[in-house]
Amino acid sequence: MNESRPHLVPVRSRDAEDFVRLRHRHHPPPAGQVFSVGAADDTGILRAVAVVGRPVAQPTASSRSLNP
């Protein structure tokens, strides 16, 4: 079995939203996105994205916090 480790790749906001929209149809695209990063395999296929954004809930919203 050929084991390969995923590596981090930059992901544009629009591409991250499309990734979430395609694979998690039960979730809306994230709001308040600040940045995103992806994990790709050796062939360059995007396998996962992490979207980091501002908190949506008012009690946790501050200028110093981000939500994964």
Protein backbone atom coordinates (compact mmCIF):
# COMPACT_ATOMS: atom_id res chain seq x y z
CA MET A 1 0.00 0.00 0.00
CA ASN A 2 1.35 3.39 -0.98
CA GLU A 3 0.95 5.70 1.99
CA SER A 4 1.15 9.40 1.38
CA ARG A 5 0.79 12.18 3.87
CA PRO A 6 -1.44 15.14 3.12
CA HIS A 7 0.22 18.52 2.93
CA LEU A 8 -1.12 22.01 3.59
CA VAL A 9 -2.12 24.13 0.63
CA PRO A 10 -3.56 27.63 0.37
CA VAL A 11 -7.27 27.72 -0.46
CA ARG A 12 -9.17 30.74 -1.72
CA SER A 13 -12.32 31.66 0.17
CA ARG A 14 -14.55 30.84 -2.79
CA ASP A 15 -12.93 27.41 -3.24
CA ALA A 16 -13.37 26.63 0.47
CA GLU A 17 -17.04 27.62 0.29
CA ASP A 18 -17.53 25.39 -2.76
CA PHE A 19 -15.79 22.50 -0.98
CA VAL A 20 -18.11 22.84 2.03
CA ARG A 21 -21.16 23.27 -0.21
CA LEU A 22 -20.41 20.06 -2.15
CA ARG A 23 -19.47 17.82 0.76
CA HIS A 24 -21.70 19.18 3.52
CA ARG A 25 -24.97 19.98 1.84
CA HIS A 26 -26.70 20.08 5.23
CA HIS A 27 -24.53 23.05 6.30
CA PRO A 28 -24.64 26.54 4.82
CA PRO A 29 -21.34 28.07 3.72
CA PRO A 30 -19.51 29.64 6.67
CA ALA A 31 -20.15 33.30 7.43
CA GLY A 32 -17.48 35.78 8.44
CA GLN A 33 -14.60 33.86 6.93
CA VAL A 34 -11.16 35.30 7.70
CA PHE A 35 -8.95 32.68 6.02
CA SER A 36 -8.92 29.04 4.98
CA VAL A 37 -6.31 26.34 4.46
CA GLY A 38 -6.57 22.95 2.80
CA ALA A 39 -5.02 19.50 2.92
CA ALA A 40 -4.15 17.91 -0.42
CA ASP A 41 -2.76 14.51 -1.29
CA ASP A 42 0.36 13.88 -3.40
CA THR A 43 -1.64 14.18 -6.61
CA GLY A 44 -2.89 17.64 -5.60
CA ILE A 45 -6.47 16.60 -4.90
CA LEU A 46 -7.98 18.71 -2.13
CA ARG A 47 -9.15 16.35 0.62
CA ALA A 48 -10.08 18.73 3.45
CA VAL A 49 -10.46 22.41 4.25
CA ALA A 50 -10.33 24.35 7.49
CA VAL A 51 -12.27 27.60 7.49
CA VAL A 52 -11.46 30.12 10.20
CA GLY A 53 -13.79 33.00 10.76
CA ARG A 54 -15.18 35.50 13.19
CA PRO A 55 -17.62 34.24 15.84
CA VAL A 56 -21.27 34.42 14.82
CA ALA A 57 -22.73 34.40 18.34
CA GLN A 58 -22.73 37.88 19.88
CA PRO A 59 -21.56 36.85 23.41
CA THR A 60 -18.36 35.34 21.99
CA ALA A 61 -17.71 38.04 19.39
CA SER A 62 -14.68 40.14 20.21
CA SER A 63 -11.91 41.67 18.21
CA ARG A 64 -9.50 39.00 19.47
CA SER A 65 -11.32 35.74 18.82
CA LEU A 66 -11.65 33.44 15.82
CA ASN A 67 -13.68 30.27 15.35
CA PRO A 68 -12.45 27.17 13.53
